[in-house]
Structure formats: C-alpha cells, structure tokens
Amino acid sequence: FGSLLGICLIIQILTGLFLAMHYTADTTTAFSSVAHICRDVNYGWLIRYLHANGASMFFICLYLHVGRGLYYGSYMFTETWNIGILLLFTVMATAFMGYVLP
C-alpha cells in the first residue's frame, strides 16, 4: 500500500497546485472562487472532485497501510513505527485544514 500512497500523494499535490492557482483565500470571495473553479475553469469541477476524493482514497490506503503494519508486527521496530504514527497525525492535521476550506 506504500506505492498507492505515493500515487495518491502525487495526485493530491498536482490537483492541489492547480486549485491553488484559481482559489482566492479571502473570506468574502472564497466561496465564489470555488464556484468559479467549478463553473468557469476548464475541467475545474473534475480537478476539484479528484482532489476531494483523492483525499479519501489517500486515507483508505493509509489506514490499510497501518493495519498491515499492525498485522505483521511492524510496531516492534519502535523508532520506525513512532515516526509513522507521527506522520499519520501530521497527515490528519493537514487534511483537517483542507476540509475546513470550502
């Protein structure tokens, strides 16, 4: 599942960069910029939904990756496991910040 995580991460980065080019982070115009992306930008609706569903796919792969590590006893390697769990919480915090955006 590590390679799937890498593919999902690349998709998230590319679609996120494209969306960031057209997104306005002002409180008064944020919603209208999302509407602009979906309606006026060529295939903007597709990029937005790829980005939203890509985040869900990333977390599915991430939980499967952690579950596989639990099943095979990878937690015995404490330093590697702790770094992985730290990365898990970092990804959760980053995703929360993305979900707060419209």
PDB file of N, CA and C in Angstrom:
ATOM      1  N   PHE A   1       0.806  -1.207   0.000  1.00  0.00           N
ATOM      2  CA  PHE A   1       0.000   0.000   0.000  1.00  0.00           C
ATOM      3  C   PHE A   1       0.846   1.268   0.000  1.00  0.00           C
ATOM      4  N   GLY A   2       2.132   1.119   0.197  1.00  0.00           N
ATOM      5  CA  GLY A   2       3.002   2.278   0.187  1.00  0.00           C
ATOM      6  C   GLY A   2       3.077   2.937  -1.179  1.00  0.00           C
ATOM      7  N   SER A   3       3.093   2.129  -2.245  1.00  0.00           N
ATOM      8  CA  SER A   3       3.147   2.716  -3.589  1.00  0.00           C
ATOM      9  C   SER A   3       1.835   3.409  -3.936  1.00  0.00           C
ATOM     10  N   LEU A   4       0.711   2.854  -3.483  1.00  0.00           N
ATOM     11  CA  LEU A   4      -0.573   3.525  -3.692  1.00  0.00           C
ATOM     12  C   LEU A   4      -0.627   4.847  -2.944  1.00  0.00           C
ATOM     13  N   LEU A   5      -0.020   4.878  -1.759  1.00  0.00           N
ATOM     14  CA  LEU A   5       0.057   6.135  -1.013  1.00  0.00           C
ATOM     15  C   LEU A   5       0.857   7.170  -1.787  1.00  0.00           C
ATOM     16  N   GLY A   6       1.938   6.741  -2.400  1.00  0.00           N
ATOM     17  CA  GLY A   6       2.747   7.658  -3.198  1.00  0.00           C
ATOM     18  C   GLY A   6       1.984   8.204  -4.396  1.00  0.00           C
ATOM     19  N   ILE A   7       1.233   7.335  -5.076  1.00  0.00           N
ATOM     20  CA  ILE A   7       0.435   7.777  -6.223  1.00  0.00           C
ATOM     21  C   ILE A   7      -0.648   8.752  -5.776  1.00  0.00           C
ATOM     22  N   CYS A   8      -1.332   8.421  -4.676  1.00  0.00           N
ATOM     23  CA  CYS A   8      -2.368   9.322  -4.148  1.00  0.00           C
ATOM     24  C   CYS A   8      -1.770  10.659  -3.737  1.00  0.00           C
ATOM     25  N   LEU A   9      -0.589  10.633  -3.154  1.00  0.00           N
ATOM     26  CA  LEU A   9       0.053  11.876  -2.727  1.00  0.00           C
ATOM     27  C   LEU A   9       0.418  12.747  -3.927  1.00  0.00           C
ATOM     28  N   ILE A  10       0.919  12.134  -4.983  1.00  0.00           N
ATOM     29  CA  ILE A  10       1.258  12.891  -6.190  1.00  0.00           C
ATOM     30  C   ILE A  10       0.003  13.510  -6.802  1.00  0.00           C
ATOM     31  N   ILE A  11      -1.096  12.740  -6.845  1.00  0.00           N
ATOM     32  CA  ILE A  11      -2.356  13.272  -7.366  1.00  0.00           C
ATOM     33  C   ILE A  11      -2.833  14.440  -6.510  1.00  0.00           C
ATOM     34  N   GLN A  12      -2.729  14.307  -5.190  1.00  0.00           N
ATOM     35  CA  GLN A  12      -3.157  15.380  -4.293  1.00  0.00           C
ATOM     36  C   GLN A  12      -2.322  16.642  -4.495  1.00  0.00           C
ATOM     37  N   ILE A  13      -1.031  16.473  -4.654  1.00  0.00           N
ATOM     38  CA  ILE A  13      -0.156  17.638  -4.837  1.00  0.00           C
ATOM     39  C   ILE A  13      -0.461  18.336  -6.159  1.00  0.00           C
ATOM     40  N   LEU A  14      -0.595  17.564  -7.235  1.00  0.00           N
ATOM     41  CA  LEU A  14      -0.845  18.169  -8.547  1.00  0.00           C
ATOM     42  C   LEU A  14      -2.203  18.860  -8.608  1.00  0.00           C
ATOM     43  N   THR A  15      -3.248  18.184  -8.128  1.00  0.00           N
ATOM     44  CA  THR A  15      -4.571  18.813  -8.158  1.00  0.00           C
ATOM     45  C   THR A  15      -4.639  19.989  -7.186  1.00  0.00           C
ATOM     46  N   GLY A  16      -3.956  19.882  -6.056  1.00  0.00           N
ATOM     47  CA  GLY A  16      -3.935  20.986  -5.100  1.00  0.00           C
ATOM     48  C   GLY A  16      -3.238  22.211  -5.652  1.00  0.00           C
ATOM     49  N   LEU A  17      -2.150  22.010  -6.379  1.00  0.00           N
ATOM     50  CA  LEU A  17      -1.464  23.144  -7.008  1.00  0.00           C
ATOM     51  C   LEU A  17      -2.342  23.809  -8.059  1.00  0.00           C
ATOM     52  N   PHE A  18      -3.037  22.992  -8.841  1.00  0.00           N
ATOM     53  CA  PHE A  18      -3.929  23.557  -9.850  1.00  0.00           C
ATOM     54  C   PHE A  18      -5.056  24.349  -9.196  1.00  0.00           C
ATOM     55  N   LEU A  19      -5.643  23.798  -8.140  1.00  0.00           N
ATOM     56  CA  LEU A  19      -6.723  24.506  -7.450  1.00  0.00           C
ATOM     57  C   LEU A  19      -6.213  25.777  -6.783  1.00  0.00           C
ATOM     58  N   ALA A  20      -5.006  25.738  -6.260  1.00  0.00           N
ATOM     59  CA  ALA A  20      -4.443  26.916  -5.590  1.00  0.00           C
ATOM     60  C   ALA A  20      -4.208  28.062  -6.570  1.00  0.00           C
ATOM     61  N   MET A  21      -3.985  27.742  -7.843  1.00  0.00           N
ATOM     62  CA  MET A  21      -3.792  28.796  -8.838  1.00  0.00           C
ATOM     63  C   MET A  21      -5.065  29.608  -9.055  1.00  0.00           C
ATOM     64  N   HIS A  22      -6.229  28.992  -8.822  1.00  0.00           N
ATOM     65  CA  HIS A  22      -7.505  29.652  -9.090  1.00  0.00           C
ATOM     66  C   HIS A  22      -8.277  30.006  -7.824  1.00  0.00           C
ATOM     67  N   TYR A  23      -7.778  29.629  -6.659  1.00  0.00           N
ATOM     68  CA  TYR A  23      -8.501  29.844  -5.402  1.00  0.00           C
ATOM     69  C   TYR A  23      -8.113  31.180  -4.792  1.00  0.00           C
ATOM     70  N   THR A  24      -9.094  31.890  -4.251  1.00  0.00           N
ATOM     71  CA  THR A  24      -8.860  33.143  -3.543  1.00  0.00           C
ATOM     72  C   THR A  24      -9.106  32.899  -2.064  1.00  0.00           C
ATOM     73  N   ALA A  25      -8.126  33.186  -1.229  1.00  0.00           N
ATOM     74  CA  ALA A  25      -8.211  32.864   0.196  1.00  0.00           C
ATOM     75  C   ALA A  25      -8.791  33.996   1.031  1.00  0.00           C
ATOM     76  N   ASP A  26      -9.586  34.848   0.431  1.00  0.00           N
ATOM     77  CA  ASP A  26     -10.236  35.935   1.157  1.00  0.00           C
ATOM     78  C   ASP A  26     -11.590  35.446   1.672  1.00  0.00           C
ATOM     79  N   THR A  27     -11.973  35.869   2.874  1.00  0.00           N
ATOM     80  CA  THR A  27     -13.213  35.368   3.476  1.00  0.00           C
ATOM     81  C   THR A  27     -14.454  35.783   2.694  1.00  0.00           C
ATOM     82  N   THR A  28     -14.390  36.888   2.001  1.00  0.00           N
ATOM     83  CA  THR A  28     -15.571  37.342   1.265  1.00  0.00           C
ATOM     84  C   THR A  28     -15.687  36.711  -0.123  1.00  0.00           C
ATOM     85  N   THR A  29     -14.585  36.260  -0.683  1.00  0.00           N
ATOM     86  CA  THR A  29     -14.625  35.737  -2.056  1.00  0.00           C
ATOM     87  C   THR A  29     -14.235  34.264  -2.169  1.00  0.00           C
ATOM     88  N   ALA A  30     -14.037  33.579  -1.048  1.00  0.00           N
ATOM     89  CA  ALA A  30     -13.593  32.183  -1.111  1.00  0.00           C
ATOM     90  C   ALA A  30     -14.637  31.298  -1.781  1.00  0.00           C
ATOM     91  N   PHE A  31     -15.888  31.439  -1.378  1.00  0.00           N
ATOM     92  CA  PHE A  31     -16.928  30.588  -1.957  1.00  0.00           C
ATOM     93  C   PHE A  31     -17.119  30.878  -3.440  1.00  0.00           C
ATOM     94  N   SER A  32     -17.087  32.143  -3.809  1.00  0.00           N
ATOM     95  CA  SER A  32     -17.259  32.476  -5.226  1.00  0.00           C
ATOM     96  C   SER A  32     -16.070  31.999  -6.062  1.00  0.00           C
ATOM     97  N   SER A  33     -14.882  31.925  -5.458  1.00  0.00           N
ATOM     98  CA  SER A  33     -13.742  31.401  -6.219  1.00  0.00           C
ATOM     99  C   SER A  33     -13.882  29.899  -6.444  1.00  0.00           C
ATOM    100  N   VAL A  34     -14.481  29.186  -5.479  1.00  0.00           N
ATOM    101  CA  VAL A  34     -14.740  27.754  -5.676  1.00  0.00           C
ATOM    102  C   VAL A  34     -15.799  27.571  -6.760  1.00  0.00           C
ATOM    103  N   ALA A  35     -16.825  28.411  -6.733  1.00  0.00           N
ATOM    104  CA  ALA A  35     -17.841  28.356  -7.789  1.00  0.00           C
ATOM    105  C   ALA A  35     -17.216  28.680  -9.146  1.00  0.00           C
ATOM    106  N   HIS A  36     -16.290  29.626  -9.179  1.00  0.00           N
ATOM    107  CA  HIS A  36     -15.582  29.966 -10.422  1.00  0.00           C
ATOM    108  C   HIS A  36     -14.784  28.766 -10.929  1.00  0.00           C
ATOM    109  N   ILE A  37     -14.124  28.064 -10.016  1.00  0.00           N
ATOM    110  CA  ILE A  37     -13.343  26.886 -10.416  1.00  0.00           C
ATOM    111  C   ILE A  37     -14.261  25.839 -11.026  1.00  0.00           C
ATOM    112  N   CYS A  38     -15.398  25.594 -10.391  1.00  0.00           N
ATOM    113  CA  CYS A  38     -16.304  24.544 -10.862  1.00  0.00           C
ATOM    114  C   CYS A  38     -17.022  24.915 -12.154  1.00  0.00           C
ATOM    115  N   ARG A  39     -17.316  26.197 -12.359  1.00  0.00           N
ATOM    116  CA  ARG A  39     -18.141  26.603 -13.498  1.00  0.00           C
ATOM    117  C   ARG A  39     -17.351  27.157 -14.678  1.00  0.00           C
ATOM    118  N   ASP A  40     -16.319  27.939 -14.402  1.00  0.00           N
ATOM    119  CA  ASP A  40     -15.663  28.682 -15.478  1.00  0.00           C
ATOM    120  C   ASP A  40     -14.326  28.096 -15.928  1.00  0.00           C
ATOM    121  N   VAL A  41     -13.611  27.441 -15.036  1.00  0.00           N
ATOM    122  CA  VAL A  41     -12.299  26.880 -15.383  1.00  0.00           C
ATOM    123  C   VAL A  41     -12.521  25.562 -16.125  1.00  0.00           C
ATOM    124  N   ASN A  42     -11.797  25.376 -17.221  1.00  0.00           N
ATOM    125  CA  ASN A  42     -11.927  24.135 -17.988  1.00  0.00           C
ATOM    126  C   ASN A  42     -11.571  22.931 -17.127  1.00  0.00           C
ATOM    127  N   TYR A  43     -12.514  22.026 -16.998  1.00  0.00           N
ATOM    128  CA  TYR A  43     -12.384  20.812 -16.188  1.00  0.00           C
ATOM    129  C   TYR A  43     -12.028  21.113 -14.734  1.00  0.00           C
ATOM    130  N   GLY A  44     -12.366  22.295 -14.255  1.00  0.00           N
ATOM    131  CA  GLY A  44     -12.120  22.646 -12.861  1.00  0.00           C
ATOM    132  C   GLY A  44     -12.939  21.802 -11.911  1.00  0.00           C
ATOM    133  N   TRP A  45     -14.172  21.481 -12.326  1.00  0.00           N
ATOM    134  CA  TRP A  45     -15.022  20.626 -11.497  1.00  0.00           C
ATOM    135  C   TRP A  45     -14.395  19.249 -11.328  1.00  0.00           C
ATOM    136  N   LEU A  46     -13.791  18.735 -12.384  1.00  0.00           N
ATOM    137  CA  LEU A  46     -13.160  17.415 -12.323  1.00  0.00           C
ATOM    138  C   LEU A  46     -11.939  17.439 -11.412  1.00  0.00           C
ATOM    139  N   ILE A  47     -11.132  18.479 -11.525  1.00  0.00           N
ATOM    140  CA  ILE A  47      -9.940  18.605 -10.679  1.00  0.00           C
ATOM    141  C   ILE A  47     -10.348  18.724  -9.214  1.00  0.00           C
ATOM    142  N   ARG A  48     -11.406  19.490  -8.940  1.00  0.00           N
ATOM    143  CA  ARG A  48     -11.855  19.662  -7.553  1.00  0.00           C
ATOM    144  C   ARG A  48     -12.336  18.333  -6.969  1.00  0.00           C
ATOM    145  N   TYR A  49     -13.112  17.587  -7.740  1.00  0.00           N
ATOM    146  CA  TYR A  49     -13.609  16.313  -7.233  1.00  0.00           C
ATOM    147  C   TYR A  49     -12.511  15.255  -7.170  1.00  0.00           C
ATOM    148  N   LEU A  50     -11.549  15.311  -8.072  1.00  0.00           N
ATOM    149  CA  LEU A  50     -10.383  14.429  -7.959  1.00  0.00           C
ATOM    150  C   LEU A  50      -9.621  14.720  -6.671  1.00  0.00           C
ATOM    151  N   HIS A  51      -9.495  15.998  -6.344  1.00  0.00           N
ATOM    152  CA  HIS A  51      -8.779  16.392  -5.128  1.00  0.00           C
ATOM    153  C   HIS A  51      -9.547  15.949  -3.877  1.00  0.00           C
ATOM    154  N   ALA A  52     -10.858  16.139  -3.871  1.00  0.00           N
ATOM    155  CA  ALA A  52     -11.665  15.763  -2.710  1.00  0.00           C
ATOM    156  C   ALA A  52     -11.703  14.246  -2.524  1.00  0.00           C
ATOM    157  N   ASN A  53     -11.933  13.515  -3.593  1.00  0.00           N
ATOM    158  CA  ASN A  53     -11.991  12.056  -3.492  1.00  0.00           C
ATOM    159  C   ASN A  53     -10.604  11.445  -3.346  1.00  0.00           C
ATOM    160  N   GLY A  54      -9.589  12.127  -3.845  1.00  0.00           N
ATOM    161  CA  GLY A  54      -8.214  11.661  -3.663  1.00  0.00           C
ATOM    162  C   GLY A  54      -7.807  11.672  -2.205  1.00  0.00           C
ATOM    163  N   ALA A  55      -8.314  12.652  -1.451  1.00  0.00           N
ATOM    164  CA  ALA A  55      -8.023  12.696  -0.017  1.00  0.00           C
ATOM    165  C   ALA A  55      -8.634  11.495   0.690  1.00  0.00           C
ATOM    166  N   SER A  56      -9.848  11.133   0.313  1.00  0.00           N
ATOM    167  CA  SER A  56     -10.483   9.956   0.913  1.00  0.00           C
ATOM    168  C   SER A  56      -9.725   8.686   0.547  1.00  0.00           C
ATOM    169  N   MET A  57      -9.311   8.583  -0.706  1.00  0.00           N
ATOM    170  CA  MET A  57      -8.548   7.413  -1.142  1.00  0.00           C
ATOM    171  C   MET A  57      -7.206   7.336  -0.429  1.00  0.00           C
ATOM    172  N   PHE A  58      -6.582   8.493  -0.219  1.00  0.00           N
ATOM    173  CA  PHE A  58      -5.310   8.535   0.493  1.00  0.00           C
ATOM    174  C   PHE A  58      -5.480   7.982   1.904  1.00  0.00           C
ATOM    175  N   PHE A  59      -6.554   8.370   2.593  1.00  0.00           N
ATOM    176  CA  PHE A  59      -6.765   7.887   3.950  1.00  0.00           C
ATOM    177  C   PHE A  59      -7.140   6.409   3.986  1.00  0.00           C
ATOM    178  N   ILE A  60      -7.864   5.933   2.991  1.00  0.00           N
ATOM    179  CA  ILE A  60      -8.157   4.500   2.930  1.00  0.00           C
ATOM    180  C   ILE A  60      -6.856   3.714   2.804  1.00  0.00           C
ATOM    181  N   CYS A  61      -5.988   4.142   1.892  1.00  0.00           N
ATOM    182  CA  CYS A  61      -4.693   3.470   1.721  1.00  0.00           C
ATOM    183  C   CYS A  61      -3.834   3.600   2.972  1.00  0.00           C
ATOM    184  N   LEU A  62      -3.912   4.750   3.624  1.00  0.00           N
ATOM    185  CA  LEU A  62      -3.123   4.981   4.836  1.00  0.00           C
ATOM    186  C   LEU A  62      -3.563   4.053   5.966  1.00  0.00           C
ATOM    187  N   TYR A  63      -4.874   3.921   6.157  1.00  0.00           N
ATOM    188  CA  TYR A  63      -5.370   3.033   7.212  1.00  0.00           C
ATOM    189  C   TYR A  63      -5.063   1.569   6.898  1.00  0.00           C
ATOM    190  N   LEU A  64      -5.135   1.193   5.627  1.00  0.00           N
ATOM    191  CA  LEU A  64      -4.756  -0.171   5.254  1.00  0.00           C
ATOM    192  C   LEU A  64      -3.271  -0.409   5.497  1.00  0.00           C
ATOM    193  N   HIS A  65      -2.461   0.598   5.241  1.00  0.00           N
ATOM    194  CA  HIS A  65      -1.019   0.503   5.467  1.00  0.00           C
ATOM    195  C   HIS A  65      -0.718   0.332   6.959  1.00  0.00           C
ATOM    196  N   VAL A  66      -1.389   1.106   7.799  1.00  0.00           N
ATOM    197  CA  VAL A  66      -1.198   0.980   9.248  1.00  0.00           C
ATOM    198  C   VAL A  66      -1.722  -0.368   9.728  1.00  0.00           C
ATOM    199  N   GLY A  67      -2.869  -0.788   9.206  1.00  0.00           N
ATOM    200  CA  GLY A  67      -3.424  -2.088   9.584  1.00  0.00           C
ATOM    201  C   GLY A  67      -2.514  -3.240   9.207  1.00  0.00           C
ATOM    202  N   ARG A  68      -1.900  -3.148   8.049  1.00  0.00           N
ATOM    203  CA  ARG A  68      -0.946  -4.181   7.644  1.00  0.00           C
ATOM    204  C   ARG A  68       0.252  -4.199   8.578  1.00  0.00           C
ATOM    205  N   GLY A  69       0.700  -3.001   8.987  1.00  0.00           N
ATOM    206  CA  GLY A  69       1.813  -2.922   9.934  1.00  0.00           C
ATOM    207  C   GLY A  69       1.462  -3.538  11.275  1.00  0.00           C
ATOM    208  N   LEU A  70       0.226  -3.334  11.719  1.00  0.00           N
ATOM    209  CA  LEU A  70      -0.217  -3.958  12.973  1.00  0.00           C
ATOM    210  C   LEU A  70      -0.295  -5.475  12.830  1.00  0.00           C
ATOM    211  N   TYR A  71      -0.810  -5.940  11.697  1.00  0.00           N
ATOM    212  CA  TYR A  71      -0.963  -7.373  11.478  1.00  0.00           C
ATOM    213  C   TYR A  71       0.384  -8.090  11.438  1.00  0.00           C
ATOM    214  N   TYR A  72       1.363  -7.490  10.773  1.00  0.00           N
ATOM    215  CA  TYR A  72       2.669  -8.125  10.630  1.00  0.00           C
ATOM    216  C   TYR A  72       3.627  -7.797  11.765  1.00  0.00           C
ATOM    217  N   GLY A  73       3.180  -7.037  12.751  1.00  0.00           N
ATOM    218  CA  GLY A  73       4.018  -6.751  13.914  1.00  0.00           C
ATOM    219  C   GLY A  73       5.118  -5.741  13.666  1.00  0.00           C
ATOM    220  N   SER A  74       4.883  -4.820  12.766  1.00  0.00           N
ATOM    221  CA  SER A  74       5.906  -3.812  12.472  1.00  0.00           C
ATOM    222  C   SER A  74       6.117  -2.840  13.619  1.00  0.00           C
ATOM    223  N   TYR A  75       5.211  -2.847  14.580  1.00  0.00           N
ATOM    224  CA  TYR A  75       5.355  -1.962  15.743  1.00  0.00           C
ATOM    225  C   TYR A  75       6.529  -2.378  16.622  1.00  0.00           C
ATOM    226  N   MET A  76       7.108  -3.530  16.370  1.00  0.00           N
ATOM    227  CA  MET A  76       8.289  -3.960  17.123  1.00  0.00           C
ATOM    228  C   MET A  76       9.491  -3.056  16.833  1.00  0.00           C
ATOM    229  N   PHE A  77       9.528  -2.498  15.640  1.00  0.00           N
ATOM    230  CA  PHE A  77      10.572  -1.536  15.289  1.00  0.00           C
ATOM    231  C   PHE A  77      10.090  -0.166  15.751  1.00  0.00           C
ATOM    232  N   THR A  78      10.347   0.140  17.026  1.00  0.00           N
ATOM    233  CA  THR A  78       9.687   1.273  17.674  1.00  0.00           C
ATOM    234  C   THR A  78      10.008   2.615  17.024  1.00  0.00           C
ATOM    235  N   GLU A  79      11.251   2.832  16.627  1.00  0.00           N
ATOM    236  CA  GLU A  79      11.593   4.133  16.053  1.00  0.00           C
ATOM    237  C   GLU A  79      10.860   4.357  14.731  1.00  0.00           C
ATOM    238  N   THR A  80      10.873   3.363  13.873  1.00  0.00           N
ATOM    239  CA  THR A  80      10.183   3.475  12.590  1.00  0.00           C
ATOM    240  C   THR A  80       8.683   3.613  12.797  1.00  0.00           C
ATOM    241  N   TRP A  81       8.134   2.826  13.723  1.00  0.00           N
ATOM    242  CA  TRP A  81       6.698   2.867  13.999  1.00  0.00           C
ATOM    243  C   TRP A  81       6.287   4.235  14.544  1.00  0.00           C
ATOM    244  N   ASN A  82       7.076   4.774  15.470  1.00  0.00           N
ATOM    245  CA  ASN A  82       6.741   6.077  16.054  1.00  0.00           C
ATOM    246  C   ASN A  82       6.798   7.193  15.015  1.00  0.00           C
ATOM    247  N   ILE A  83       7.760   7.128  14.111  1.00  0.00           N
ATOM    248  CA  ILE A  83       7.826   8.122  13.039  1.00  0.00           C
ATOM    249  C   ILE A  83       6.600   7.991  12.136  1.00  0.00           C
ATOM    250  N   GLY A  84       6.196   6.762  11.855  1.00  0.00           N
ATOM    251  CA  GLY A  84       5.000   6.543  11.035  1.00  0.00           C
ATOM    252  C   GLY A  84       3.741   7.082  11.689  1.00  0.00           C
ATOM    253  N   ILE A  85       3.601   6.868  12.991  1.00  0.00           N
ATOM    254  CA  ILE A  85       2.426   7.377  13.705  1.00  0.00           C
ATOM    255  C   ILE A  85       2.458   8.899  13.765  1.00  0.00           C
ATOM    256  N   LEU A  86       3.651   9.467  13.926  1.00  0.00           N
ATOM    257  CA  LEU A  86       3.779  10.930  13.884  1.00  0.00           C
ATOM    258  C   LEU A  86       3.350  11.470  12.516  1.00  0.00           C
ATOM    259  N   LEU A  87       3.761  10.790  11.461  1.00  0.00           N
ATOM    260  CA  LEU A  87       3.341  11.191  10.117  1.00  0.00           C
ATOM    261  C   LEU A  87       1.832  11.044   9.938  1.00  0.00           C
ATOM    262  N   LEU A  88       1.248   9.999  10.532  1.00  0.00           N
ATOM    263  CA  LEU A  88      -0.201   9.808  10.462  1.00  0.00           C
ATOM    264  C   LEU A  88      -0.933  10.995  11.076  1.00  0.00           C
ATOM    265  N   PHE A  89      -0.504  11.426  12.254  1.00  0.00           N
ATOM    266  CA  PHE A  89      -1.148  12.565  12.906  1.00  0.00           C
ATOM    267  C   PHE A  89      -0.914  13.862  12.130  1.00  0.00           C
ATOM    268  N   THR A  90       0.253  13.991  11.526  1.00  0.00           N
ATOM    269  CA  THR A  90       0.532  15.172  10.706  1.00  0.00           C
ATOM    270  C   THR A  90      -0.378  15.212   9.481  1.00  0.00           C
ATOM    271  N   VAL A  91      -0.571  14.063   8.854  1.00  0.00           N
ATOM    272  CA  VAL A  91      -1.463  13.990   7.694  1.00  0.00           C
ATOM    273  C   VAL A  91      -2.898  14.286   8.113  1.00  0.00           C
ATOM    274  N   MET A  92      -3.302  13.792   9.280  1.00  0.00           N
ATOM    275  CA  MET A  92      -4.655  14.078   9.771  1.00  0.00           C
ATOM    276  C   MET A  92      -4.852  15.572  10.007  1.00  0.00           C
ATOM    277  N   ALA A  93      -3.852  16.221  10.582  1.00  0.00           N
ATOM    278  CA  ALA A  93      -3.947  17.667  10.833  1.00  0.00           C
ATOM    279  C   ALA A  93      -3.987  18.441   9.521  1.00  0.00           C
ATOM    280  N   THR A  94      -3.187  18.022   8.558  1.00  0.00           N
ATOM    281  CA  THR A  94      -3.184  18.683   7.254  1.00  0.00           C
ATOM    282  C   THR A  94      -4.522  18.496   6.548  1.00  0.00           C
ATOM    283  N   ALA A  95      -5.076  17.293   6.619  1.00  0.00           N
ATOM    284  CA  ALA A  95      -6.371  17.030   5.988  1.00  0.00           C
ATOM    285  C   ALA A  95      -7.477  17.834   6.662  1.00  0.00           C
ATOM    286  N   PHE A  96      -7.393  17.986   7.977  1.00  0.00           N
ATOM    287  CA  PHE A  96      -8.390  18.796   8.674  1.00  0.00           C
ATOM    288  C   PHE A  96      -8.362  20.231   8.168  1.00  0.00           C
ATOM    289  N   MET A  97      -7.173  20.759   7.973  1.00  0.00           N
ATOM    290  CA  MET A  97      -7.062  22.124   7.453  1.00  0.00           C
ATOM    291  C   MET A  97      -7.636  22.211   6.034  1.00  0.00           C
ATOM    292  N   GLY A  98      -7.480  21.159   5.252  1.00  0.00           N
ATOM    293  CA  GLY A  98      -8.063  21.144   3.913  1.00  0.00           C
ATOM    294  C   GLY A  98      -9.572  21.001   3.936  1.00  0.00           C
ATOM    295  N   TYR A  99     -10.109  20.249   4.895  1.00  0.00           N
ATOM    296  CA  TYR A  99     -11.556  20.082   4.989  1.00  0.00           C
ATOM    297  C   TYR A  99     -12.234  21.354   5.482  1.00  0.00           C
ATOM    298  N   VAL A 100     -11.520  22.204   6.203  1.00  0.00           N
ATOM    299  CA  VAL A 100     -12.095  23.449   6.698  1.00  0.00           C
ATOM    300  C   VAL A 100     -12.326  24.427   5.543  1.00  0.00           C
ATOM    301  N   LEU A 101     -11.487  24.340   4.517  1.00  0.00           N
ATOM    302  CA  LEU A 101     -11.671  25.202   3.346  1.00  0.00           C
ATOM    303  C   LEU A 101     -12.957  24.806   2.623  1.00  0.00           C
ATOM    304  N   PRO A 102     -13.585  25.746   1.905  1.00  0.00           N
ATOM    305  CA  PRO A 102     -14.834  25.392   1.188  1.00  0.00           C
ATOM    306  C   PRO A 102     -14.577  24.446   0.035  1.00  0.00           C
TER     307      PRO A 102
END
